Amino acid sequence: MQCVILAAGEGSRMRPLTTSRPKVMLPLAGKPMLEHLIRNVRDAGITEIILVVGYREEAIRTWFDDGSNFGVSIHYVVQRKQMGTADALKTVEPFIHDIFLMLNGDMILERADLEKITALPSPVMATSTTMHPESFGVVTVENDKITTLEEKSLHPKSNIINAGAYLFDPDIFVILKKLSPSTRGEYELTDALTDYISEGKLTAYPLSIWMDVGYPWDMLSANEHLLETVVGEQNGTVEENVMIKGQLILGKGSVIKSGTYIEGPCIIGENTVVGPNAYLRSGTTIGNNCHIGHAVEIKNSIIFDDTKIPHYNYIGDSVIGSRCNFGAGTKIANLRHDHGPVKVGGMSTGRKKFGAVIGDDVMFGINCSINTGSSIGSGTRVAPHTLVSGMIENKTVVK
C-alpha cells in the first residue's frame, strides 16, 4: 500500500513561525511534525510514501531526501499553486497503483489507528470529536457510515469531525475530475466525498487519538502529548551537581552545567549548552545549537534551533523561533490576572497559560517584558526596557 501525505501549504495560521519553513517542518518533541507522521506510517507497515510539496519545499526535501534514512521510499510531487486539497490529490494520480492512505501532514496520529484504517475496505474517512466543531468539517454517522458532511457550520449537527485521514482507491480520481472550484476558488476534497456519502459508501473510522496542529498554541499540546512516552537518553555531558528528575533526552555534544535543575520530560538537542544554574521545567523542548544560560527558567515551551536565552530570563508556555536572542532580564508573561484563557490576536488559545509566539531572528534588548498572547514577527528588533504586547509584524522595530 502507498501513503500520500499533503505537505504543500505554508500554514498561514502558524505565522510568523512559517516565515522560513513549511508548517509540516515545525518541530515537536525534537523532530519535525511530518517526521512523526512518517515514522508512524512506516510502523503501520507502509513504506512507499508520496509527499505533495510546494511552499518552501526545499526544507522537506533536504530533511527527508529519498526516505532511506527513515526506512521508507519517498517520491515528491509538486503542487505549484495551492488550489485546495482535491487539486493536491489530483497531482499524484499518475503514481498511484491501488488502494492508498491519504493524510494531511499537520496532525498527530497513532500507529495503531493507521493499521486499523488500512485493514478496512475503501473508501474510509477517519473521524474525531471536538468541543469546537464549528472550526472543522462536521459529519454525522449512522451504522458506521458517514451520512452528511458540512464545512465549518455555524450550527454544527454533531461534534464529530473530519480528521483529514482517508483510505481511497483510484476511483477517487474519476470523481476529482468532475469538481468545480468552491466559493474560495479552490478544489475541495470534501466536495468529492459527497458522491460516496450519497451512495452510503463512506465508512467512518473513529480515531483513538487525533491532534490537529493548526495554531502555534496547538504545538504545545502536541508537544506535551509526544513527550509523555519519551525514554531518557543522555548522549551529552552532565556536569556535577546537576539534578535531573523524570525523562531527559540529551543530544550529542550538549552540556548541562553545574547547578542546573531539570524536571522531565524534556528534550535538549545537539551542541546545546544549558546552565550553569538553569531551571528547565516539564514539557520543554530545546533545539540544536542553543544556549540556555545562568538563572534562566523555561517552562513547557518549544525553543527552535540556534536560539540564545543566556541570562536571567523566564520563558513560560511559549513557542520561540530560530536564531533569536534574549537580552539579560527579558521575560515572557504567561498568565492573565483574571485567569481567563489567553487570546492571541483576539483568538482564544483555550489555554489558561500561554506566553508568546516569536518568529525567527528576533532580538531583544535587556529587561524587556513580553505580555501574554503576544505574537512577534520574524526579524523584529526590540529596544531595551520595552513592553511588547499584541501582534507585531515581521521586521518591526519596537521601542
Foldseek 3Di string as FASTA:
>chain_A
DEEEEEQAAQQVQAPPASVQHRQQQDDFQAGRLLLLVQLLCVVLPHAHYEYEYEVNCVVVCVVCPQNVVSRHGYHYFYDHDCQEDLSSVLRCLVPADWKYKYAYSFKDAHSVLVNVQVVDDDWEFEKEFDPCCLQAWAFDDDPQFTQDTDGNDPDGPHRIHGQGMTIHTSVLSVLSVPFDGDPVRHRYSVVSCVVCNVVRNYGYHYGPDMQGPNHPLSSLVSNLVVFVPDAADAQDEEDPQEAEADHEHHEHLEYEDHQEYEYEPEYAYHNEYAEDNEYEYYLEYAYYCEYHYYCEYEYSEYHYEQEYNHANEYHYQEYEEHNEYEAHQEYWFFADPVLDFFEAQNHGPPDRGHTEYEYACEYEHHNEYEYRNEYAHDLEYEYHPYYHYHYHYHNHYHD
